[in-house]
């Protein structure tokens, strides 16, 4: 591969440096010719040694790719900021590995970005005495002027956004007389952001991300023309980010953490025919995509999350979690199932009860298996009914009671059903024990008001539910004060002590040995579903009834 040729090219560059006391001059054909001669000599000598010893003792190639050697020589003395950024990331990872948990690289790692080089060498590559001379030597002055006078829009200034804004400042994007970098983020800086969103410092906590990151980037390059916004990019803010704004842009960069916002920005870029730089991270994985109008598919037309082969099956999350990742994914799904979906469904129901019930029943009727369809639809109907029943006289105490139901369903009822299906000593027909390897026998939990972890769960769930039911405004707008009784463990314990323990609810889900689930509703469940649909169809919500789905934010402590 190219790595072998790069290795020999670097040896030749170092040989040139040792003999001349300097690196080859950028764009110097004479120096490049000298490096190529050194590379030939090094490769020929290595091949001769290998032939003499009848062994591949030294790296050599059959036919030296002199074009690779020449490109290395022509740019060996150039320092490009994006390349330095990548190299810094590699070095940082290696430093982390030194701690001993991971294995550091013990080999050569050759990287190149020859693909970005112009097809023909620009004629305006002479340095001008500016901070951008390294870029000018590769891409030319005209190219640099275009970067300087570019107007762009960075959507999101979190972890990725900080990196992008730093890059823009250092390579000169928006730093010319007519260039501008717009950036927007409606979020404020949390303490938990400081470990990865590197433009922020402890004194920035509580301030707007876009404003703090813009100030930090401008400190790196005072010529940066940066305009921070604190407005979300969404349909309701099109009066702010209007036609004039979008048409003024040369390209757009996404640094977002949710699919809905990405798709909206992508739609705007398609409509206004603007190039889009899309990227994202998920743990140690990352993705990037360059979207060009009329040349490439848009972000929305690309692969979806459903195409991810590494996604974790929900049956594994529910029944046999064995990794921290499983627990995190399970908790994230629970947040949606408990605090987002029921409130969303209840809101849709209130808007048109008859239509909502008809749609629910229609899904069951059109299914090939009525029993299986009911087992899927019944929890939704139960959740909506539970929300409606509590809406009339909602209080924080009733929120604690609902949180108690959640606790018992998650940590008592479902685990008890699993234990009943597979007791601790269960073995298959061959005598192999069921609970072995990554399958750990679970413990059924009973809510204990003296257990701090249990109380923390109830307190957090009850506070989120209070926002769902409108007992409290969005904590982003009006946080619950630290000294409020809703934050008091003793207050929560007092409510729990007078709250009846919910009755055990069995499960109609059959759990396979591999964790797969088969939902089969019995006659009682079918009757319950029909009863709920009848009750809901005749329900009339009070005019003041409303529900607010919770908004999951990973950076909220």
Protein backbone atom coordinates (compact mmCIF):
# COMPACT_ATOMS: atom_id res chain seq x y z
CA UNK A 1 0.00 0.00 0.00
CA UNK A 2 0.89 3.67 -0.01
CA UNK A 3 2.20 3.42 3.55
CA UNK A 4 5.44 1.74 2.41
CA UNK A 5 6.10 4.48 -0.13
CA UNK A 6 5.37 7.16 2.48
CA UNK A 7 7.83 5.49 4.85
CA UNK A 8 10.61 5.61 2.25
CA UNK A 9 9.64 9.20 1.31
CA UNK A 10 10.02 10.30 4.92
CA UNK A 11 13.41 8.59 5.17
CA UNK A 12 14.45 10.52 2.06
CA UNK A 13 13.18 13.82 3.53
CA UNK A 14 15.13 13.20 6.74
CA UNK A 15 18.24 12.37 4.71
CA UNK A 16 17.84 15.64 2.78
CA UNK A 17 17.38 17.53 6.06
CA UNK A 18 20.51 15.94 7.54
CA UNK A 19 22.62 16.86 4.53
CA UNK A 20 21.21 20.36 3.89
CA UNK A 21 20.35 21.45 7.44
CA UNK A 22 16.79 22.25 6.45
CA UNK A 23 13.61 20.69 5.11
CA UNK A 24 12.89 20.84 1.35
CA UNK A 25 11.51 24.24 0.34
CA UNK A 26 7.78 24.16 -0.42
CA UNK A 27 7.08 23.96 -4.15
CA UNK A 28 10.80 23.66 -4.96
CA UNK A 29 11.20 21.22 -7.83
CA UNK A 30 14.97 21.14 -7.35
CA UNK A 31 14.64 20.09 -3.70
CA UNK A 32 11.93 17.57 -4.63
CA UNK A 33 14.22 16.04 -7.27
CA UNK A 34 16.94 15.67 -4.64
CA UNK A 35 14.53 13.93 -2.26
CA UNK A 36 13.44 11.55 -5.03
CA UNK A 37 17.10 10.64 -5.65
CA UNK A 38 17.57 9.94 -1.93
CA UNK A 39 14.43 7.76 -1.96
CA UNK A 40 15.69 5.74 -4.92
CA UNK A 41 19.02 5.15 -3.18
CA UNK A 42 17.35 4.14 0.12
CA UNK A 43 14.97 1.74 -1.62
CA UNK A 44 17.66 0.21 -3.84
CA UNK A 45 19.96 -0.30 -0.86
CA UNK A 46 17.15 -1.94 1.12
CA UNK A 47 16.29 -4.28 -1.76
CA UNK A 48 19.95 -5.25 -2.13
CA UNK A 49 20.25 -6.02 1.59
CA UNK A 50 17.10 -8.13 1.50
CA UNK A 51 18.33 -10.03 -1.55
CA UNK A 52 21.75 -10.61 0.00
CA UNK A 53 20.27 -11.91 3.25
CA UNK A 54 17.43 -13.78 1.54
CA UNK A 55 15.06 -12.16 3.98
CA UNK A 56 12.94 -9.00 4.17
CA UNK A 57 14.98 -7.35 6.90
CA UNK A 58 14.38 -3.80 5.67
CA UNK A 59 11.27 -2.17 4.22
CA UNK A 60 11.50 -1.89 0.45
CA UNK A 61 9.13 -1.76 -2.51
CA UNK A 62 9.36 -3.32 -5.95
CA UNK A 63 8.51 -0.13 -7.86
CA UNK A 64 8.90 3.14 -5.97
CA UNK A 65 5.98 5.54 -6.48
CA UNK A 66 8.01 8.66 -7.17
CA UNK A 67 4.86 10.79 -7.40
CA UNK A 68 4.17 10.06 -3.72
CA UNK A 69 7.79 10.91 -2.82
CA UNK A 70 7.59 14.16 -4.78
CA UNK A 71 4.34 15.24 -3.08
CA UNK A 72 5.86 14.55 0.34
CA UNK A 73 8.95 16.56 -0.56
CA UNK A 74 7.02 19.53 -1.99
CA UNK A 75 4.94 19.90 1.19
CA UNK A 76 7.17 18.50 3.97
CA UNK A 77 7.86 21.98 5.37
CA UNK A 78 4.20 23.04 5.30
CA UNK A 79 2.10 23.02 8.47
CA UNK A 80 -1.63 22.85 7.77
CA UNK A 81 -3.93 23.50 10.72
CA UNK A 82 -6.53 20.77 9.93
CA UNK A 83 -3.75 18.18 9.66
CA UNK A 84 -2.27 19.42 12.95
CA UNK A 85 -5.71 19.06 14.54
CA UNK A 86 -5.97 15.43 13.46
CA UNK A 87 -2.41 14.72 14.57
CA UNK A 88 -3.17 16.31 17.94
CA UNK A 89 -6.15 13.99 18.34
CA UNK A 90 -3.99 10.93 17.63
CA UNK A 91 -1.35 12.10 20.12
CA UNK A 92 -4.01 12.78 22.77
CA UNK A 93 -5.35 9.24 22.37
CA UNK A 94 -1.87 7.80 22.73
CA UNK A 95 -1.32 9.83 25.91
CA UNK A 96 -4.54 8.40 27.35
CA UNK A 97 -3.36 4.89 26.46
CA UNK A 98 -0.20 5.37 28.52
CA UNK A 99 -2.41 5.08 31.63
CA UNK A 100 -2.43 1.35 30.92
CA UNK A 101 -6.07 0.56 30.12
CA UNK A 102 -5.47 0.54 26.37
CA UNK A 103 -2.52 -0.54 24.23
CA UNK A 104 -0.50 2.30 22.63
CA UNK A 105 0.52 2.06 18.98
CA UNK A 106 3.74 0.12 18.55
CA UNK A 107 4.25 0.65 14.83
CA UNK A 108 4.52 3.30 12.16
CA UNK A 109 1.31 5.17 11.36
CA UNK A 110 1.51 6.99 8.02
CA UNK A 111 -1.28 9.33 7.00
CA UNK A 112 -1.66 11.59 4.01
CA UNK A 113 -4.28 13.87 2.54
CA UNK A 114 -3.01 14.13 -1.04
CA UNK A 115 -6.60 14.18 -2.25
CA UNK A 116 -7.00 17.80 -1.15
CA UNK A 117 -4.09 19.03 -3.28
CA UNK A 118 -4.98 21.11 -6.35
CA UNK A 119 -4.77 19.18 -9.62
CA UNK A 120 -2.33 21.78 -10.92
CA UNK A 121 0.01 23.81 -8.74
CA UNK A 122 -1.33 27.35 -8.19
CA UNK A 123 0.80 30.17 -9.53
CA UNK A 124 0.19 32.46 -6.56
CA UNK A 125 1.87 30.38 -3.83
CA UNK A 126 4.49 32.89 -2.69
CA UNK A 127 4.21 33.70 1.05
CA UNK A 128 2.84 37.12 1.96
CA UNK A 129 4.03 37.35 5.55
CA UNK A 130 0.59 36.51 6.96
CA UNK A 131 -0.50 33.84 9.42
CA UNK A 132 -1.97 31.96 6.47
CA UNK A 133 1.30 31.51 4.51
CA UNK A 134 1.36 27.74 4.98
CA UNK A 135 -2.07 27.45 3.36
CA UNK A 136 -1.13 29.87 0.61
CA UNK A 137 1.92 27.73 -0.26
CA UNK A 138 -0.37 24.76 -0.90
CA UNK A 139 -3.60 26.26 -2.22
CA UNK A 140 -2.61 29.74 -3.40
CA UNK A 141 -3.51 33.27 -2.43
CA UNK A 142 -6.78 33.37 -4.39
CA UNK A 143 -8.04 30.32 -2.50
CA UNK A 144 -7.12 31.92 0.83
CA UNK A 145 -8.90 35.13 -0.10
CA UNK A 146 -12.00 33.09 -0.83
CA UNK A 147 -11.82 31.51 2.66
CA UNK A 148 -11.33 34.90 4.28
CA UNK A 149 -14.38 36.39 2.60
CA UNK A 150 -16.68 33.39 3.05
CA UNK A 151 -19.94 33.74 4.98
CA UNK A 152 -20.98 30.57 6.77
CA UNK A 153 -23.41 29.34 9.39
CA UNK A 154 -22.38 26.96 12.19
CA UNK A 155 -25.42 25.30 13.79
CA UNK A 156 -24.51 24.15 17.29
CA UNK A 157 -21.53 25.15 19.42
CA UNK A 158 -21.13 22.12 21.68
CA UNK A 159 -18.29 19.61 21.42
CA UNK A 160 -18.21 19.48 17.62
CA UNK A 161 -19.14 23.14 17.28
CA UNK A 162 -16.19 24.26 19.44
CA UNK A 163 -13.84 22.26 17.22
CA UNK A 164 -15.33 23.70 14.04
CA UNK A 165 -15.27 27.29 15.27
CA UNK A 166 -11.63 26.89 16.32
CA UNK A 167 -10.80 25.52 12.87
CA UNK A 168 -12.60 28.39 11.13
CA UNK A 169 -10.67 30.96 13.17
CA UNK A 170 -7.29 29.34 12.57
CA UNK A 171 -7.62 28.78 8.80
CA UNK A 172 -9.24 32.20 8.29
CA UNK A 173 -12.85 31.39 7.40
CA UNK A 174 -14.89 34.59 7.76
CA UNK A 175 -11.82 36.67 8.67
CA UNK A 176 -11.81 38.95 5.64
CA UNK A 177 -13.51 42.23 4.91
CA UNK A 178 -16.72 40.66 3.65
CA UNK A 179 -16.62 37.31 5.47
CA UNK A 180 -18.70 36.32 8.50
CA UNK A 181 -19.18 33.25 10.65
CA UNK A 182 -22.67 33.01 12.15
CA UNK A 183 -23.05 30.49 14.95
CA UNK A 184 -26.09 29.58 17.02
CA UNK A 185 -26.92 27.51 20.08
CA UNK A 186 -29.67 28.16 22.61
CA UNK A 187 -27.98 26.07 25.31
CA UNK A 188 -26.04 27.34 28.31
CA UNK A 189 -22.75 25.92 29.54
CA UNK A 190 -22.91 23.21 32.22
CA UNK A 191 -20.04 21.99 34.38
CA UNK A 192 -20.24 18.62 32.62
CA UNK A 193 -19.45 20.34 29.29
CA UNK A 194 -15.97 21.40 30.36
CA UNK A 195 -14.32 18.01 29.83
CA UNK A 196 -14.91 17.93 26.06
CA UNK A 197 -16.12 21.34 24.86
CA UNK A 198 -12.68 22.84 25.02
CA UNK A 199 -13.45 26.50 24.25
CA UNK A 200 -15.24 26.78 27.60
CA UNK A 201 -13.69 27.38 31.02
CA UNK A 202 -15.11 27.27 34.52
CA UNK A 203 -15.89 31.00 34.46
CA UNK A 204 -18.16 30.37 31.44
CA UNK A 205 -20.56 28.08 33.33
CA UNK A 206 -24.09 29.46 33.07
CA UNK A 207 -23.33 31.56 29.99
CA UNK A 208 -24.60 31.03 26.46
CA UNK A 209 -22.52 28.51 24.51
CA UNK A 210 -22.61 30.47 21.26
CA UNK A 211 -21.45 33.69 22.89
CA UNK A 212 -18.68 32.10 24.96
CA UNK A 213 -17.34 30.02 22.06
CA UNK A 214 -17.41 33.03 19.73
CA UNK A 215 -15.38 35.07 22.22
CA UNK A 216 -12.84 32.25 22.64
CA UNK A 217 -12.45 31.80 18.88
CA UNK A 218 -12.02 35.53 18.35
CA UNK A 219 -9.24 35.50 20.94
CA UNK A 220 -7.44 32.96 18.73
CA UNK A 221 -7.82 35.19 15.67
CA UNK A 222 -8.94 38.79 16.31
CA UNK A 223 -9.76 39.14 12.61
CA UNK A 224 -12.60 36.61 12.91
CA UNK A 225 -15.95 38.21 12.11
CA UNK A 226 -18.21 36.06 14.26
CA UNK A 227 -21.87 36.72 15.06
CA UNK A 228 -23.30 34.53 17.85
CA UNK A 229 -27.03 33.77 17.96
CA UNK A 230 -28.99 32.11 20.76
CA UNK A 231 -31.99 31.08 18.66
CA UNK A 232 -32.85 27.51 17.71
CA UNK A 233 -32.97 26.77 13.99
CA UNK A 234 -36.51 25.51 13.50
CA UNK A 235 -39.73 26.36 11.61
CA UNK A 236 -40.92 28.76 14.31
CA UNK A 237 -37.74 30.89 14.02
CA UNK A 238 -37.84 31.43 10.27
CA UNK A 239 -38.56 35.09 10.94
CA UNK A 240 -35.06 35.29 12.47
CA UNK A 241 -33.23 32.99 10.04
CA UNK A 242 -35.14 34.31 7.03
CA UNK A 243 -34.64 34.21 3.26
CA UNK A 244 -32.12 37.03 3.32
CA UNK A 245 -30.06 35.23 5.94
CA UNK A 246 -29.94 31.88 4.15
CA UNK A 247 -29.25 33.44 0.76
CA UNK A 248 -26.25 35.32 2.20
CA UNK A 249 -24.47 32.08 3.13
CA UNK A 250 -21.78 30.30 1.13
CA UNK A 251 -22.07 27.04 3.07
CA UNK A 252 -23.53 25.61 6.29
CA UNK A 253 -21.97 23.38 8.95
CA UNK A 254 -24.01 21.15 11.25
CA UNK A 255 -22.71 20.39 14.75
CA UNK A 256 -25.96 19.08 16.19
CA UNK A 257 -26.89 16.24 18.53
CA UNK A 258 -30.34 15.26 17.27
CA UNK A 259 -31.76 13.93 14.01
CA UNK A 260 -34.77 16.26 13.83
CA UNK A 261 -32.64 19.42 13.81
CA UNK A 262 -30.21 17.91 11.31
CA UNK A 263 -33.03 17.08 8.92
CA UNK A 264 -34.51 20.57 9.22
CA UNK A 265 -31.18 22.28 8.45
CA UNK A 266 -30.63 19.84 5.60
CA UNK A 267 -34.03 20.81 4.21
CA UNK A 268 -33.11 24.50 4.36
CA UNK A 269 -29.84 23.81 2.54
CA UNK A 270 -31.65 21.86 -0.17
CA UNK A 271 -34.20 24.66 -0.59
CA UNK A 272 -31.59 27.44 -0.79
CA UNK A 273 -29.06 25.24 -2.66
CA UNK A 274 -26.30 25.61 -0.09
CA UNK A 275 -23.47 23.12 0.55
CA UNK A 276 -23.72 21.38 3.92
CA UNK A 277 -20.93 19.92 6.04
CA UNK A 278 -22.57 17.29 8.25
CA UNK A 279 -20.87 15.42 11.08
CA UNK A 280 -21.75 13.67 14.30
CA UNK A 281 -20.39 11.51 17.08
CA UNK A 282 -21.73 8.59 19.10
CA UNK A 283 -19.31 7.35 21.72
CA UNK A 284 -16.13 6.37 19.91
CA UNK A 285 -17.89 6.32 16.54
CA UNK A 286 -18.17 9.30 14.23
CA UNK A 287 -19.46 10.21 10.82
CA UNK A 288 -19.00 13.01 8.34
CA UNK A 289 -20.73 13.87 5.09
CA UNK A 290 -20.25 16.61 2.53
CA UNK A 291 -23.52 17.51 0.81
CA UNK A 292 -23.21 19.43 -2.47
CA UNK A 293 -26.30 20.76 -4.28
CA UNK A 294 -27.06 18.81 -7.48
CA UNK A 295 -24.00 16.57 -6.97
CA UNK A 296 -24.61 14.39 -3.91
CA UNK A 297 -27.53 13.01 -1.96
CA UNK A 298 -28.77 15.14 0.90
CA UNK A 299 -28.39 14.19 4.54
CA UNK A 300 -32.06 13.18 4.76
CA UNK A 301 -31.67 10.90 1.73
CA UNK A 302 -28.70 9.12 3.30
CA UNK A 303 -28.52 6.13 5.66
CA UNK A 304 -30.73 6.21 8.75
CA UNK A 305 -30.06 5.13 12.30
CA UNK A 306 -31.96 1.96 11.52
CA UNK A 307 -29.11 1.00 9.19
CA UNK A 308 -26.64 0.86 12.08
CA UNK A 309 -25.48 -2.73 12.38
CA UNK A 310 -24.14 -2.06 15.86
CA UNK A 311 -27.50 -1.13 17.36
CA UNK A 312 -28.41 -3.05 20.50
CA UNK A 313 -31.56 -5.24 20.34
CA UNK A 314 -34.22 -3.97 22.74
CA UNK A 315 -34.80 -7.47 24.09
CA UNK A 316 -31.18 -7.49 25.28
CA UNK A 317 -31.63 -4.12 26.95
CA UNK A 318 -34.81 -5.18 28.74
CA UNK A 319 -33.89 -8.65 29.90
CA UNK A 320 -30.18 -9.44 29.83
CA UNK A 321 -28.10 -6.24 29.98
CA UNK A 322 -24.44 -7.06 30.56
CA UNK A 323 -22.62 -3.87 29.60
CA UNK A 324 -22.74 -0.29 30.85
CA UNK A 325 -23.80 0.67 27.31
CA UNK A 326 -26.85 -1.56 27.68
CA UNK A 327 -27.86 0.16 30.92
CA UNK A 328 -27.43 3.62 29.42
CA UNK A 329 -29.48 2.71 26.34
CA UNK A 330 -32.17 1.15 28.54
CA UNK A 331 -32.38 4.27 30.72
CA UNK A 332 -32.56 6.49 27.64
CA UNK A 333 -35.43 4.39 26.26
CA UNK A 334 -37.19 4.52 29.64
CA UNK A 335 -37.02 8.31 29.62
CA UNK A 336 -38.89 8.38 26.33
CA UNK A 337 -41.39 5.70 27.39
CA UNK A 338 -42.18 7.39 30.73
CA UNK A 339 -41.84 11.15 30.21
CA UNK A 340 -42.04 11.85 26.49
CA UNK A 341 -44.34 9.44 24.66
CA UNK A 342 -47.25 9.35 27.16
CA UNK A 343 -47.43 13.15 27.35
CA UNK A 344 -47.19 13.37 23.55
CA UNK A 345 -49.94 10.77 23.08
CA UNK A 346 -52.15 12.42 25.72
CA UNK A 347 -51.74 15.79 24.00
CA UNK A 348 -52.75 14.28 20.65
CA UNK A 349 -55.68 12.55 22.34
CA UNK A 350 -56.99 15.79 23.85
CA UNK A 351 -56.84 17.48 20.45
CA UNK A 352 -59.20 14.88 18.95
CA UNK A 353 -60.18 11.94 21.23
CA UNK A 354 -62.31 10.12 18.67
CA UNK A 355 -59.65 10.28 15.95
CA UNK A 356 -56.93 9.10 18.35
CA UNK A 357 -58.95 6.08 19.49
CA UNK A 358 -59.91 5.27 15.91
CA UNK A 359 -56.27 5.29 14.85
CA UNK A 360 -55.31 3.04 17.78
CA UNK A 361 -58.08 0.57 17.01
CA UNK A 362 -57.26 0.71 13.32
CA UNK A 363 -53.70 -0.37 14.00
CA UNK A 364 -54.99 -3.42 15.86
CA UNK A 365 -57.58 -4.29 13.20
CA UNK A 366 -55.09 -4.11 10.32
CA UNK A 367 -52.53 -6.28 12.06
CA UNK A 368 -52.05 -9.89 11.03
CA UNK A 369 -52.05 -10.93 14.69
CA UNK A 370 -54.71 -9.23 16.81
CA UNK A 371 -53.30 -10.62 20.06
CA UNK A 372 -49.81 -9.34 19.32
CA UNK A 373 -51.13 -5.94 18.15
CA UNK A 374 -53.16 -5.53 21.33
CA UNK A 375 -50.13 -6.30 23.47
CA UNK A 376 -48.38 -3.41 21.70
CA UNK A 377 -51.29 -0.96 21.81
CA UNK A 378 -52.47 -1.68 25.36
CA UNK A 379 -49.53 0.02 27.15
CA UNK A 380 -50.13 3.18 25.10
CA UNK A 381 -53.84 3.20 26.01
CA UNK A 382 -53.00 2.56 29.67
CA UNK A 383 -50.46 5.38 29.74
CA UNK A 384 -52.86 7.89 28.22
CA UNK A 385 -55.64 6.83 30.60
CA UNK A 386 -53.27 7.13 33.58
CA UNK A 387 -52.28 10.65 32.54
CA UNK A 388 -55.89 11.71 32.01
CA UNK A 389 -57.03 10.27 35.35
CA UNK A 390 -54.40 12.23 37.23
CA UNK A 391 -54.80 15.46 35.28
CA UNK A 392 -58.03 16.56 37.01
CA UNK A 393 -56.56 16.77 40.51
CA UNK A 394 -52.83 16.60 39.75
CA UNK A 395 -50.57 17.33 42.69
CA UNK A 396 -46.96 16.63 43.51
CA UNK A 397 -48.09 13.85 45.82
CA UNK A 398 -49.89 12.15 42.94
CA UNK A 399 -46.70 12.52 40.87
CA UNK A 400 -44.80 10.67 43.60
CA UNK A 401 -47.43 7.94 43.50
CA UNK A 402 -47.07 7.64 39.71
CA UNK A 403 -43.27 7.54 40.06
CA UNK A 404 -43.75 4.73 42.59
CA UNK A 405 -45.77 2.82 39.99
CA UNK A 406 -42.95 3.29 37.50
CA UNK A 407 -40.42 1.99 40.01
CA UNK A 408 -42.40 -1.13 40.82
CA UNK A 409 -43.13 -1.86 37.19
CA UNK A 410 -39.47 -1.55 36.16
CA UNK A 411 -37.64 -3.04 39.13
CA UNK A 412 -40.18 -5.39 40.67
CA UNK A 413 -42.82 -6.61 38.24
CA UNK A 414 -40.71 -7.09 35.11
CA UNK A 415 -37.84 -8.67 37.01
CA UNK A 416 -40.23 -10.93 38.89
CA UNK A 417 -41.71 -12.11 35.58
CA UNK A 418 -38.21 -12.91 34.33
CA UNK A 419 -37.33 -14.78 37.53
CA UNK A 420 -40.59 -16.73 37.36
CA UNK A 421 -39.80 -17.76 33.79
CA UNK A 422 -36.19 -18.67 34.56
CA UNK A 423 -35.49 -19.46 38.24
CA UNK A 424 -31.92 -19.20 39.49
CA UNK A 425 -31.31 -22.95 39.10
CA UNK A 426 -32.95 -23.19 35.66
CA UNK A 427 -31.15 -25.38 33.12
CA UNK A 428 -31.92 -26.37 29.54
CA UNK A 429 -32.49 -29.90 28.25
CA UNK A 430 -28.75 -30.55 28.08
CA UNK A 431 -28.21 -29.53 31.70
CA UNK A 432 -26.54 -26.23 30.87
CA UNK A 433 -27.38 -23.56 33.45
CA UNK A 434 -29.40 -20.65 32.09
CA UNK A 435 -27.89 -17.95 34.31
CA UNK A 436 -24.28 -18.11 33.19
CA UNK A 437 -21.78 -15.97 31.29
CA UNK A 438 -23.14 -12.50 30.59
CA UNK A 439 -26.57 -13.44 31.98
CA UNK A 440 -26.59 -12.47 35.65
CA UNK A 441 -29.44 -13.57 37.87
CA UNK A 442 -31.42 -10.40 38.73
CA UNK A 443 -32.69 -9.27 42.11
CA UNK A 444 -36.29 -8.17 42.52
CA UNK A 445 -36.39 -4.74 44.16
CA UNK A 446 -38.92 -3.43 46.67
CA UNK A 447 -39.20 0.31 47.05
CA UNK A 448 -37.42 1.27 50.25
CA UNK A 449 -37.90 4.89 51.44
CA UNK A 450 -34.68 4.59 53.47
CA UNK A 451 -32.62 3.67 50.39
CA UNK A 452 -31.05 6.89 49.00
CA UNK A 453 -30.92 5.52 45.45
CA UNK A 454 -34.61 4.63 45.50
CA UNK A 455 -35.50 8.07 46.84
CA UNK A 456 -33.39 9.77 44.17
CA UNK A 457 -35.26 7.85 41.46
CA UNK A 458 -38.67 8.83 42.87
CA UNK A 459 -37.63 12.45 43.36
CA UNK A 460 -36.29 12.82 39.82
CA UNK A 461 -39.25 11.03 38.23
CA UNK A 462 -41.81 13.01 40.23
CA UNK A 463 -40.21 16.33 39.30
CA UNK A 464 -40.19 15.44 35.60
CA UNK A 465 -43.82 14.29 35.82
CA UNK A 466 -44.71 17.57 37.52
CA UNK A 467 -43.51 19.35 34.38
CA UNK A 468 -45.43 16.86 32.19
CA UNK A 469 -48.65 17.76 34.04
CA UNK A 470 -48.02 21.49 34.13
CA UNK A 471 -47.48 21.72 37.89
CA UNK A 472 -44.16 23.36 37.18
CA UNK A 473 -42.78 25.29 34.22
CA UNK A 474 -39.93 23.97 32.12
CA UNK A 475 -36.84 23.85 34.39
CA UNK A 476 -34.94 25.66 31.64
CA UNK A 477 -37.29 28.59 32.19
CA UNK A 478 -37.96 28.26 35.93
CA UNK A 479 -35.73 25.78 37.79
CA UNK A 480 -36.97 24.31 41.07
CA UNK A 481 -35.02 26.11 43.83
CA UNK A 482 -32.53 24.00 45.81
CA UNK A 483 -34.40 24.65 49.06
CA UNK A 484 -37.81 23.71 47.62
CA UNK A 485 -39.58 20.80 49.34
CA UNK A 486 -39.76 18.94 46.04
CA UNK A 487 -35.99 18.57 46.29
CA UNK A 488 -36.13 17.36 49.89
CA UNK A 489 -35.46 13.64 50.48
CA UNK A 490 -37.34 13.75 53.78
CA UNK A 491 -40.39 15.24 52.06
CA UNK A 492 -40.32 12.49 49.42
CA UNK A 493 -39.97 9.81 52.12
CA UNK A 494 -42.97 11.21 54.00
CA UNK A 495 -45.13 10.98 50.87
CA UNK A 496 -43.92 7.45 50.10
CA UNK A 497 -44.78 6.25 53.61
CA UNK A 498 -48.45 7.11 53.06
CA UNK A 499 -48.54 5.98 49.42
CA UNK A 500 -50.00 2.48 48.90
CA UNK A 501 -47.69 -0.05 47.28
CA UNK A 502 -49.02 -0.81 43.76
CA UNK A 503 -50.34 -4.32 43.19
CA UNK A 504 -48.13 -6.69 41.25
CA UNK A 505 -48.86 -6.72 37.53
CA UNK A 506 -47.99 -9.88 35.65
CA UNK A 507 -46.70 -9.82 32.10
CA UNK A 508 -48.15 -11.32 28.93
CA UNK A 509 -44.73 -11.20 27.32
CA UNK A 510 -43.05 -14.56 26.78
CA UNK A 511 -39.29 -14.21 27.13
CA UNK A 512 -37.14 -16.57 25.08
CA UNK A 513 -33.84 -17.97 26.31
CA UNK A 514 -32.02 -15.60 23.99
CA UNK A 515 -33.88 -12.58 25.33
CA UNK A 516 -36.30 -12.35 22.42
CA UNK A 517 -39.85 -11.46 23.36
CA UNK A 518 -43.18 -12.66 22.09
CA UNK A 519 -46.12 -10.52 23.12
CA UNK A 520 -49.38 -12.46 23.24
CA UNK A 521 -52.35 -10.82 24.88
CA UNK A 522 -54.88 -13.13 26.44
CA UNK A 523 -58.64 -12.76 26.70
CA UNK A 524 -58.35 -10.50 29.76
CA UNK A 525 -56.00 -8.11 27.93
CA UNK A 526 -58.28 -7.97 24.89
CA UNK A 527 -61.21 -7.14 27.14
CA UNK A 528 -59.18 -4.45 28.93
CA UNK A 529 -58.15 -2.92 25.60
CA UNK A 530 -61.75 -2.77 24.37
CA UNK A 531 -62.89 -1.26 27.69
CA UNK A 532 -60.17 1.39 27.61
CA UNK A 533 -61.00 2.34 24.03
CA UNK A 534 -64.68 2.74 24.95
CA UNK A 535 -63.85 4.88 27.98
CA UNK A 536 -61.41 7.04 26.04
CA UNK A 537 -63.78 7.51 23.10
CA UNK A 538 -66.34 9.09 25.44
CA UNK A 539 -63.83 11.20 27.36
CA UNK A 540 -64.19 14.96 27.42
CA UNK A 541 -61.12 16.79 28.69
CA UNK A 542 -61.52 19.97 30.77
CA UNK A 543 -60.52 23.06 28.77
CA UNK A 544 -57.44 23.65 30.95
CA UNK A 545 -56.03 20.15 30.49
CA UNK A 546 -52.63 20.11 28.81
CA UNK A 547 -49.49 17.99 28.87
CA UNK A 548 -45.89 18.88 28.09
CA UNK A 549 -43.49 16.15 26.92
CA UNK A 550 -40.11 16.23 28.62
CA UNK A 551 -37.08 17.27 26.58
CA UNK A 552 -34.11 14.96 27.05
CA UNK A 553 -30.84 16.87 27.36
CA UNK A 554 -27.75 14.76 27.98
CA UNK A 555 -25.83 17.66 29.52
CA UNK A 556 -28.36 18.40 32.25
CA UNK A 557 -27.00 17.31 35.62
